[in-house]
C-alpha atoms as a PDB file:
ATOM      1  CA  MET A   1     -21.139   0.237  -9.095  1.00  0.00           C
ATOM      2  CA  ILE A   2     -17.673  -0.172 -10.629  1.00  0.00           C
ATOM      3  CA  VAL A   3     -14.542   1.956 -10.346  1.00  0.00           C
ATOM      4  CA  ASP A   4     -11.914   1.964 -13.097  1.00  0.00           C
ATOM      5  CA  SER A   5      -8.929   2.599 -10.841  1.00  0.00           C
ATOM      6  CA  HIS A   6      -6.453   3.363 -13.629  1.00  0.00           C
ATOM      7  CA  CYS A   7      -7.081   4.883 -17.045  1.00  0.00           C
ATOM      8  CA  HIS A   8      -5.492   7.595 -19.188  1.00  0.00           C
ATOM      9  CA  LEU A   9      -8.392   9.710 -20.371  1.00  0.00           C
ATOM     10  CA  ASP A  10      -6.084  12.536 -21.425  1.00  0.00           C
ATOM     11  CA  TYR A  11      -4.609  10.406 -24.211  1.00  0.00           C
ATOM     12  CA  ALA A  12      -5.928  11.406 -27.631  1.00  0.00           C
ATOM     13  CA  GLU A  13      -7.546   8.034 -28.368  1.00  0.00           C
ATOM     14  CA  LEU A  14      -9.994   8.651 -25.507  1.00  0.00           C
ATOM     15  CA  TYR A  15      -9.873  12.426 -25.032  1.00  0.00           C
ATOM     16  CA  ASP A  16     -11.039  13.139 -28.573  1.00  0.00           C
ATOM     17  CA  GLN A  17     -14.272  11.222 -27.960  1.00  0.00           C
ATOM     18  CA  LEU A  18     -14.507  11.567 -24.188  1.00  0.00           C
ATOM     19  CA  ASN A  19     -18.209  12.369 -23.940  1.00  0.00           C
ATOM     20  CA  GLU A  20     -19.077   9.089 -25.646  1.00  0.00           C
ATOM     21  CA  VAL A  21     -16.437   7.157 -23.690  1.00  0.00           C
ATOM     22  CA  VAL A  22     -17.847   8.380 -20.377  1.00  0.00           C
ATOM     23  CA  LYS A  23     -21.439   7.657 -21.469  1.00  0.00           C
ATOM     24  CA  ARG A  24     -20.517   4.087 -22.412  1.00  0.00           C
ATOM     25  CA  ALA A  25     -18.734   3.683 -19.082  1.00  0.00           C
ATOM     26  CA  VAL A  26     -21.740   4.801 -17.055  1.00  0.00           C
ATOM     27  CA  LEU A  27     -24.047   2.533 -19.079  1.00  0.00           C
ATOM     28  CA  SER A  28     -21.708  -0.328 -18.116  1.00  0.00           C
ATOM     29  CA  GLN A  29     -22.016   0.593 -14.410  1.00  0.00           C
ATOM     30  CA  VAL A  30     -18.554   2.177 -14.335  1.00  0.00           C
ATOM     31  CA  ASN A  31     -19.653   5.116 -12.217  1.00  0.00           C
ATOM     32  CA  TYR A  32     -16.228   6.460 -11.228  1.00  0.00           C
ATOM     33  CA  LEU A  33     -12.938   6.725 -13.079  1.00  0.00           C
ATOM     34  CA  LEU A  34      -9.439   7.594 -11.903  1.00  0.00           C
ATOM     35  CA  THR A  35      -7.413   9.157 -14.701  1.00  0.00           C
ATOM     36  CA  ILE A  36      -3.684   8.847 -14.144  1.00  0.00           C
ATOM     37  CA  CYS A  37      -1.033  11.488 -14.738  1.00  0.00           C
ATOM     38  CA  THR A  38       2.239  10.662 -16.497  1.00  0.00           C
ATOM     39  CA  THR A  39       3.749  14.113 -17.245  1.00  0.00           C
ATOM     40  CA  PRO A  40       3.117  17.770 -16.366  1.00  0.00           C
ATOM     41  CA  GLU A  41       1.663  18.178 -19.857  1.00  0.00           C
ATOM     42  CA  SER A  42      -0.809  15.347 -19.328  1.00  0.00           C
ATOM     43  CA  PHE A  43      -1.808  16.934 -16.016  1.00  0.00           C
ATOM     44  CA  LYS A  44      -2.998  20.094 -17.763  1.00  0.00           C
ATOM     45  CA  ARG A  45      -5.460  18.058 -19.788  1.00  0.00           C
ATOM     46  CA  ILE A  46      -6.472  16.037 -16.727  1.00  0.00           C
ATOM     47  CA  LEU A  47      -7.478  19.236 -14.933  1.00  0.00           C
ATOM     48  CA  LEU A  48      -9.806  20.093 -17.807  1.00  0.00           C
ATOM     49  CA  ILE A  49     -11.354  16.630 -17.566  1.00  0.00           C
ATOM     50  CA  LEU A  50     -11.870  16.864 -13.798  1.00  0.00           C
ATOM     51  CA  LYS A  51     -13.565  20.222 -14.150  1.00  0.00           C
ATOM     52  CA  LYS A  52     -15.997  18.899 -16.748  1.00  0.00           C
ATOM     53  CA  TYR A  53     -16.931  15.499 -15.268  1.00  0.00           C
ATOM     54  CA  LYS A  54     -18.078  15.073 -11.668  1.00  0.00           C
ATOM     55  CA  ASN A  55     -17.438  11.324 -11.651  1.00  0.00           C
ATOM     56  CA  ILE A  56     -13.786  11.521 -12.725  1.00  0.00           C
ATOM     57  CA  TYR A  57     -10.860  11.996 -10.334  1.00  0.00           C
ATOM     58  CA  GLY A  58      -7.135  12.246 -10.967  1.00  0.00           C
ATOM     59  CA  THR A  59      -3.560  11.860  -9.757  1.00  0.00           C
ATOM     60  CA  TYR A  60      -0.305  13.722 -10.198  1.00  0.00           C
ATOM     61  CA  GLY A  61       2.992  12.048 -11.022  1.00  0.00           C
ATOM     62  CA  ILE A  62       5.769  11.358 -13.480  1.00  0.00           C
ATOM     63  CA  HIS A  63       5.837   7.982 -15.242  1.00  0.00           C
ATOM     64  CA  PRO A  64       9.204   6.194 -14.968  1.00  0.00           C
ATOM     65  CA  HIS A  65       9.629   6.477 -18.745  1.00  0.00           C
ATOM     66  CA  GLU A  66       9.553  10.266 -18.400  1.00  0.00           C
ATOM     67  CA  THR A  67      11.784  10.805 -15.365  1.00  0.00           C
ATOM     68  CA  GLN A  68      14.870  11.678 -17.421  1.00  0.00           C
ATOM     69  CA  LYS A  69      13.010  14.769 -18.706  1.00  0.00           C
ATOM     70  CA  TYR A  70      11.726  15.894 -15.305  1.00  0.00           C
ATOM     71  CA  LYS A  71      14.607  15.422 -12.879  1.00  0.00           C
ATOM     72  CA  ASN A  72      13.746  18.552 -10.893  1.00  0.00           C
ATOM     73  CA  ILE A  73      10.270  17.466  -9.778  1.00  0.00           C
ATOM     74  CA  ASP A  74      10.574  16.503  -6.108  1.00  0.00           C
ATOM     75  CA  SER A  75       8.285  15.612  -3.220  1.00  0.00           C
ATOM     76  CA  SER A  76       7.627  19.244  -2.224  1.00  0.00           C
ATOM     77  CA  PHE A  77       6.484  20.127  -5.747  1.00  0.00           C
ATOM     78  CA  ILE A  78       4.219  17.070  -5.953  1.00  0.00           C
ATOM     79  CA  SER A  79       2.716  17.930  -2.558  1.00  0.00           C
ATOM     80  CA  LYS A  80       1.982  21.498  -3.617  1.00  0.00           C
ATOM     81  CA  VAL A  81       0.158  20.295  -6.723  1.00  0.00           C
ATOM     82  CA  LYS A  82      -1.945  17.812  -4.771  1.00  0.00           C
ATOM     83  CA  LYS A  83      -2.911  20.348  -2.112  1.00  0.00           C
ATOM     84  CA  LYS A  84      -4.092  22.797  -4.750  1.00  0.00           C
ATOM     85  CA  TYR A  85      -6.675  20.487  -6.339  1.00  0.00           C
ATOM     86  CA  LYS A  86      -9.285  18.577  -4.282  1.00  0.00           C
ATOM     87  CA  LYS A  87     -10.046  16.041  -7.005  1.00  0.00           C
ATOM     88  CA  ILE A  88      -6.432  14.865  -7.113  1.00  0.00           C
ATOM     89  CA  ILE A  89      -6.613  11.839  -4.816  1.00  0.00           C
ATOM     90  CA  GLY A  90      -3.353   9.992  -5.437  1.00  0.00           C
ATOM     91  CA  VAL A  91       0.326  10.282  -6.384  1.00  0.00           C
ATOM     92  CA  GLY A  92       1.650   8.647  -9.530  1.00  0.00           C
ATOM     93  CA  GLU A  93       2.026   6.965 -11.896  1.00  0.00           C
ATOM     94  CA  THR A  94       5.526   6.351 -10.609  1.00  0.00           C
ATOM     95  CA  GLY A  95       7.813   3.371 -10.143  1.00  0.00           C
ATOM     96  CA  LEU A  96      10.458   1.520 -12.125  1.00  0.00           C
ATOM     97  CA  ASP A  97      10.569   0.186 -15.681  1.00  0.00           C
ATOM     98  CA  PHE A  98      13.776  -1.673 -16.520  1.00  0.00           C
ATOM     99  CA  PHE A  99      12.251  -3.325 -19.586  1.00  0.00           C
ATOM    100  CA  TYR A 100      12.402  -0.304 -21.864  1.00  0.00           C
ATOM    101  CA  ASN A 101      14.860   1.803 -19.838  1.00  0.00           C
ATOM    102  CA  HIS A 102      13.678   5.050 -21.429  1.00  0.00           C
ATOM    103  CA  SER A 103      15.178   6.763 -18.380  1.00  0.00           C
ATOM    104  CA  ASP A 104      18.356   6.003 -16.427  1.00  0.00           C
ATOM    105  CA  LYS A 105      17.760   3.475 -13.629  1.00  0.00           C
ATOM    106  CA  GLU A 106      19.148   5.704 -10.898  1.00  0.00           C
ATOM    107  CA  VAL A 107      17.062   8.639 -12.113  1.00  0.00           C
ATOM    108  CA  GLN A 108      13.977   6.411 -11.991  1.00  0.00           C
ATOM    109  CA  LYS A 109      14.780   5.323  -8.437  1.00  0.00           C
ATOM    110  CA  LYS A 110      15.313   8.875  -7.242  1.00  0.00           C
ATOM    111  CA  SER A 111      12.010  10.009  -8.763  1.00  0.00           C
ATOM    112  CA  PHE A 112      10.213   6.996  -7.282  1.00  0.00           C
ATOM    113  CA  ILE A 113      11.449   7.839  -3.789  1.00  0.00           C
ATOM    114  CA  GLU A 114      10.408  11.485  -4.166  1.00  0.00           C
ATOM    115  CA  HIS A 115       6.901  10.362  -5.148  1.00  0.00           C
ATOM    116  CA  ILE A 116       6.778   8.031  -2.146  1.00  0.00           C
ATOM    117  CA  LYS A 117       7.767  10.851   0.187  1.00  0.00           C
ATOM    118  CA  ALA A 118       5.017  13.057  -1.218  1.00  0.00           C
ATOM    119  CA  ALA A 119       2.374  10.333  -0.921  1.00  0.00           C
ATOM    120  CA  SER A 120       3.426   9.656   2.651  1.00  0.00           C
ATOM    121  CA  GLU A 121       3.303  13.329   3.601  1.00  0.00           C
ATOM    122  CA  LEU A 122      -0.099  13.759   1.963  1.00  0.00           C
ATOM    123  CA  ASN A 123      -1.478  10.458   3.321  1.00  0.00           C
ATOM    124  CA  VAL A 124      -2.762   9.439  -0.112  1.00  0.00           C
ATOM    125  CA  PRO A 125      -2.097   6.285  -2.160  1.00  0.00           C
ATOM    126  CA  ILE A 126       0.873   5.974  -4.452  1.00  0.00           C
ATOM    127  CA  ILE A 127       0.197   4.315  -7.819  1.00  0.00           C
ATOM    128  CA  VAL A 128       3.164   2.119  -8.700  1.00  0.00           C
ATOM    129  CA  HIS A 129       4.336   0.840 -12.090  1.00  0.00           C
ATOM    130  CA  SER A 130       6.857  -2.009 -12.056  1.00  0.00           C
ATOM    131  CA  ARG A 131       8.245  -3.886 -15.041  1.00  0.00           C
ATOM    132  CA  ASN A 132      11.346  -6.090 -14.967  1.00  0.00           C
ATOM    133  CA  ALA A 133      12.154  -4.444 -11.641  1.00  0.00           C
ATOM    134  CA  GLU A 134      10.541  -6.571  -8.939  1.00  0.00           C
ATOM    135  CA  THR A 135      13.528  -6.655  -6.577  1.00  0.00           C
ATOM    136  CA  ASP A 136      14.296  -2.943  -6.735  1.00  0.00           C
ATOM    137  CA  THR A 137      10.621  -1.958  -6.551  1.00  0.00           C
ATOM    138  CA  TYR A 138      10.050  -4.073  -3.465  1.00  0.00           C
ATOM    139  CA  GLU A 139      13.245  -2.989  -1.721  1.00  0.00           C
ATOM    140  CA  ILE A 140      12.406   0.695  -2.183  1.00  0.00           C
ATOM    141  CA  LEU A 141       8.796   0.262  -1.061  1.00  0.00           C
ATOM    142  CA  LYS A 142       9.840  -1.862   1.929  1.00  0.00           C
ATOM    143  CA  SER A 143      12.487   0.658   2.981  1.00  0.00           C
ATOM    144  CA  GLU A 144      10.203   3.673   2.671  1.00  0.00           C
ATOM    145  CA  GLU A 145       7.159   1.906   4.142  1.00  0.00           C
ATOM    146  CA  LYS A 146       9.005   1.354   7.425  1.00  0.00           C
ATOM    147  CA  ASN A 147       9.066   5.079   8.110  1.00  0.00           C
ATOM    148  CA  SER A 148       5.471   5.946   7.179  1.00  0.00           C
ATOM    149  CA  ASN A 149       1.900   4.765   6.842  1.00  0.00           C
ATOM    150  CA  LEU A 150       2.371   4.417   3.120  1.00  0.00           C
ATOM    151  CA  LYS A 151      -0.670   3.432   1.046  1.00  0.00           C
ATOM    152  CA  ILE A 152       0.457   1.451  -1.988  1.00  0.00           C
ATOM    153  CA  LEU A 153      -1.403   0.431  -5.137  1.00  0.00           C
ATOM    154  CA  MET A 154       0.525  -1.795  -7.526  1.00  0.00           C
ATOM    155  CA  HIS A 155      -1.152  -1.115 -10.835  1.00  0.00           C
ATOM    156  CA  CYS A 156      -1.612  -3.540 -13.739  1.00  0.00           C
ATOM    157  CA  PHE A 157      -0.008  -6.387 -11.850  1.00  0.00           C
ATOM    158  CA  THR A 158       1.773  -8.971 -14.000  1.00  0.00           C
ATOM    159  CA  GLY A 159       4.419 -10.067 -11.536  1.00  0.00           C
ATOM    160  CA  SER A 160       5.421 -13.350  -9.941  1.00  0.00           C
ATOM    161  CA  LYS A 161       3.657 -15.113  -7.070  1.00  0.00           C
ATOM    162  CA  ASP A 162       6.675 -14.360  -4.877  1.00  0.00           C
ATOM    163  CA  PHE A 163       6.437 -10.647  -5.720  1.00  0.00           C
ATOM    164  CA  ALA A 164       2.715 -10.671  -4.931  1.00  0.00           C
ATOM    165  CA  LYS A 165       3.384 -12.268  -1.540  1.00  0.00           C
ATOM    166  CA  LYS A 166       6.022  -9.672  -0.707  1.00  0.00           C
ATOM    167  CA  LEU A 167       3.660  -6.859  -1.689  1.00  0.00           C
ATOM    168  CA  LEU A 168       0.924  -8.288   0.514  1.00  0.00           C
ATOM    169  CA  ASP A 169       3.402  -8.462   3.393  1.00  0.00           C
ATOM    170  CA  ILE A 170       3.705  -4.654   3.231  1.00  0.00           C
ATOM    171  CA  ASN A 171      -0.068  -4.198   2.927  1.00  0.00           C
ATOM    172  CA  CYS A 172      -0.212  -3.348  -0.768  1.00  0.00           C
ATOM    173  CA  TYR A 173      -3.330  -3.298  -2.837  1.00  0.00           C
ATOM    174  CA  ILE A 174      -2.957  -4.958  -6.236  1.00  0.00           C
ATOM    175  CA  SER A 175      -4.838  -3.934  -9.374  1.00  0.00           C
ATOM    176  CA  VAL A 176      -5.547  -6.305 -12.248  1.00  0.00           C
ATOM    177  CA  SER A 177      -6.196  -5.358 -15.863  1.00  0.00           C
ATOM    178  CA  GLY A 178      -7.481  -6.940 -19.057  1.00  0.00           C
ATOM    179  CA  ILE A 179      -4.229  -8.898 -19.304  1.00  0.00           C
ATOM    180  CA  ILE A 180      -5.859 -11.625 -17.209  1.00  0.00           C
ATOM    181  CA  THR A 181      -8.223 -12.314 -20.133  1.00  0.00           C
ATOM    182  CA  PHE A 182      -5.357 -13.068 -22.538  1.00  0.00           C
ATOM    183  CA  LYS A 183      -4.900 -16.700 -23.591  1.00  0.00           C
ATOM    184  CA  ASN A 184      -1.287 -16.781 -22.378  1.00  0.00           C
ATOM    185  CA  SER A 185      -2.110 -15.492 -18.881  1.00  0.00           C
ATOM    186  CA  THR A 186      -2.452 -18.860 -17.127  1.00  0.00           C
ATOM    187  CA  GLU A 187       0.456 -18.277 -14.739  1.00  0.00           C
ATOM    188  CA  LEU A 188      -0.760 -14.767 -13.928  1.00  0.00           C
ATOM    189  CA  SER A 189      -4.257 -16.090 -13.249  1.00  0.00           C
ATOM    190  CA  GLU A 190      -2.825 -18.606 -10.800  1.00  0.00           C
ATOM    191  CA  THR A 191      -0.999 -15.806  -9.006  1.00  0.00           C
ATOM    192  CA  ILE A 192      -4.110 -13.618  -8.890  1.00  0.00           C
ATOM    193  CA  SER A 193      -6.087 -16.536  -7.444  1.00  0.00           C
ATOM    194  CA  SER A 194      -3.738 -16.495  -4.439  1.00  0.00           C
ATOM    195  CA  ILE A 195      -4.327 -12.805  -3.660  1.00  0.00           C
ATOM    196  CA  PRO A 196      -7.112 -12.126  -1.116  1.00  0.00           C
ATOM    197  CA  ILE A 197     -10.073 -10.346  -2.650  1.00  0.00           C
ATOM    198  CA  GLU A 198      -9.709  -7.725   0.104  1.00  0.00           C
ATOM    199  CA  ASN A 199      -6.506  -6.573  -1.616  1.00  0.00           C
ATOM    200  CA  LEU A 200      -7.738  -6.426  -5.212  1.00  0.00           C
ATOM    201  CA  LEU A 201      -8.749  -3.531  -7.432  1.00  0.00           C
ATOM    202  CA  ILE A 202      -9.562  -3.531 -11.147  1.00  0.00           C
ATOM    203  CA  GLU A 203      -8.513  -1.233 -13.959  1.00  0.00           C
ATOM    204  CA  THR A 204      -8.390  -0.874 -17.722  1.00  0.00           C
ATOM    205  CA  ASP A 205      -5.125   1.068 -18.183  1.00  0.00           C
ATOM    206  CA  SER A 206      -6.998   2.349 -21.232  1.00  0.00           C
ATOM    207  CA  PRO A 207      -6.356   3.185 -24.008  1.00  0.00           C
ATOM    208  CA  TYR A 208      -3.938   0.240 -23.641  1.00  0.00           C
ATOM    209  CA  LEU A 209      -4.412  -3.474 -22.912  1.00  0.00           C
ATOM    210  CA  ALA A 210      -7.931  -4.039 -24.194  1.00  0.00           C
ATOM    211  CA  PRO A 211      -9.282  -7.329 -22.838  1.00  0.00           C
ATOM    212  CA  ASN A 212     -10.525 -10.165 -24.981  1.00  0.00           C
ATOM    213  CA  PRO A 213     -12.596  -9.988 -27.166  1.00  0.00           C
ATOM    214  CA  TYR A 214     -11.292  -6.465 -27.956  1.00  0.00           C
ATOM    215  CA  ARG A 215      -7.592  -7.240 -27.818  1.00  0.00           C
ATOM    216  CA  GLY A 216      -5.626  -5.077 -30.235  1.00  0.00           C
ATOM    217  CA  LYS A 217      -8.246  -2.338 -30.259  1.00  0.00           C
ATOM    218  CA  THR A 218      -8.337   0.930 -28.310  1.00  0.00           C
ATOM    219  CA  ASN A 219      -9.304   0.089 -24.736  1.00  0.00           C
ATOM    220  CA  GLU A 220     -11.841   2.120 -22.772  1.00  0.00           C
ATOM    221  CA  PRO A 221     -13.406   1.989 -19.272  1.00  0.00           C
ATOM    222  CA  SER A 222     -16.599   0.195 -20.366  1.00  0.00           C
ATOM    223  CA  PHE A 223     -14.499  -2.825 -21.384  1.00  0.00           C
ATOM    224  CA  ILE A 224     -13.708  -3.470 -17.709  1.00  0.00           C
ATOM    225  CA  LEU A 225     -16.760  -5.756 -17.600  1.00  0.00           C
ATOM    226  CA  HIS A 226     -14.720  -8.434 -19.383  1.00  0.00           C
ATOM    227  CA  THR A 227     -11.986  -8.195 -16.760  1.00  0.00           C
ATOM    228  CA  ILE A 228     -14.600  -8.509 -14.019  1.00  0.00           C
ATOM    229  CA  GLU A 229     -16.019 -11.621 -15.649  1.00  0.00           C
ATOM    230  CA  LYS A 230     -12.586 -13.253 -15.895  1.00  0.00           C
ATOM    231  CA  LEU A 231     -11.670 -12.265 -12.341  1.00  0.00           C
ATOM    232  CA  SER A 232     -14.905 -13.798 -11.070  1.00  0.00           C
ATOM    233  CA  GLN A 233     -13.877 -17.075 -12.739  1.00  0.00           C
ATOM    234  CA  ILE A 234     -10.390 -16.919 -11.262  1.00  0.00           C
ATOM    235  CA  LYS A 235     -11.657 -16.178  -7.749  1.00  0.00           C
ATOM    236  CA  GLN A 236     -14.682 -18.488  -8.136  1.00  0.00           C
ATOM    237  CA  VAL A 237     -17.147 -15.866  -6.942  1.00  0.00           C
ATOM    238  CA  THR A 238     -19.945 -13.959  -8.644  1.00  0.00           C
ATOM    239  CA  LYS A 239     -19.364 -10.923 -10.824  1.00  0.00           C
ATOM    240  CA  GLU A 240     -21.431  -8.950  -8.316  1.00  0.00           C
ATOM    241  CA  SER A 241     -19.000  -9.961  -5.574  1.00  0.00           C
ATOM    242  CA  ILE A 242     -16.051  -8.754  -7.657  1.00  0.00           C
ATOM    243  CA  MET A 243     -17.791  -5.447  -8.336  1.00  0.00           C
ATOM    244  CA  PHE A 244     -18.705  -4.944  -4.683  1.00  0.00           C
ATOM    245  CA  ASN A 245     -15.331  -5.902  -3.233  1.00  0.00           C
ATOM    246  CA  THR A 246     -13.120  -4.023  -5.687  1.00  0.00           C
ATOM    247  CA  THR A 247     -15.256  -0.890  -5.292  1.00  0.00           C
ATOM    248  CA  THR A 248     -15.166  -1.225  -1.491  1.00  0.00           C
ATOM    249  CA  ASN A 249     -11.385  -1.640  -1.628  1.00  0.00           C
ATOM    250  CA  PHE A 250     -11.020   1.467  -3.792  1.00  0.00           C
ATOM    251  CA  LYS A 251     -13.115   3.502  -1.355  1.00  0.00           C
ATOM    252  CA  LYS A 252     -11.084   2.269   1.583  1.00  0.00           C
ATOM    253  CA  LEU A 253      -7.711   2.879  -0.044  1.00  0.00           C
ATOM    254  CA  PHE A 254      -8.506   6.329  -1.421  1.00  0.00           C
ATOM    255  CA  ASN A 255     -10.707   7.418   1.513  1.00  0.00           C
ATOM    256  CA  PHE A 256     -13.357   7.906  -1.122  1.00  0.00           C
ATOM    257  CA  ILE A 257     -17.051   8.279  -0.312  1.00  0.00           C
END
């Protein structure tokens, strides 16, 4: 059994052919999928997906790119949404993106902290996005983690070995995507090799970041098999071991049976 811990099934590229996407996933042993919220509008479509498919679960959150538009969404609002829907099992996607800066940095930080507060109150994982913001991301997580039993999942990790070590020091789980299959990912592969398998999850981030040999095409959950194969090479263990451990880690982190 495989869990795709991060995909965006509400995006048109996947949503418009979702029956076939889910069938291909199941045929590839991807039995469970976590579809990630980025805006209140995306959440409406996610709810429709969760109602239709028993094997799909979701989150609620505002992507850092979108925080400028949704400044009024705070921890109490996020908590209310989560409590209303049983199949919402995490908070996010949240975090910091200083590469594109689609939203003001201080607005991003404020939103990130509100998401952390909600996740802490709800005792569910927070799904974190970080790009060109390692120092600020870590400092915020470290500061907030001191005051709670925060469960952290760093999604689509592409950071430095130093950042990975710091994340492990605050008990983070780290998710890897199809990026590790790219030809220019040697340094990332070396970093991933240093992360204990007990801390690793896998994801597609579909419809983005299709792994080789599908790079440049629309990604989908069934393609996660190529990421598993590459991760097994990096960790020097069998593909079955990667499948077992990443699924076990997902269950543990999300209190998922």
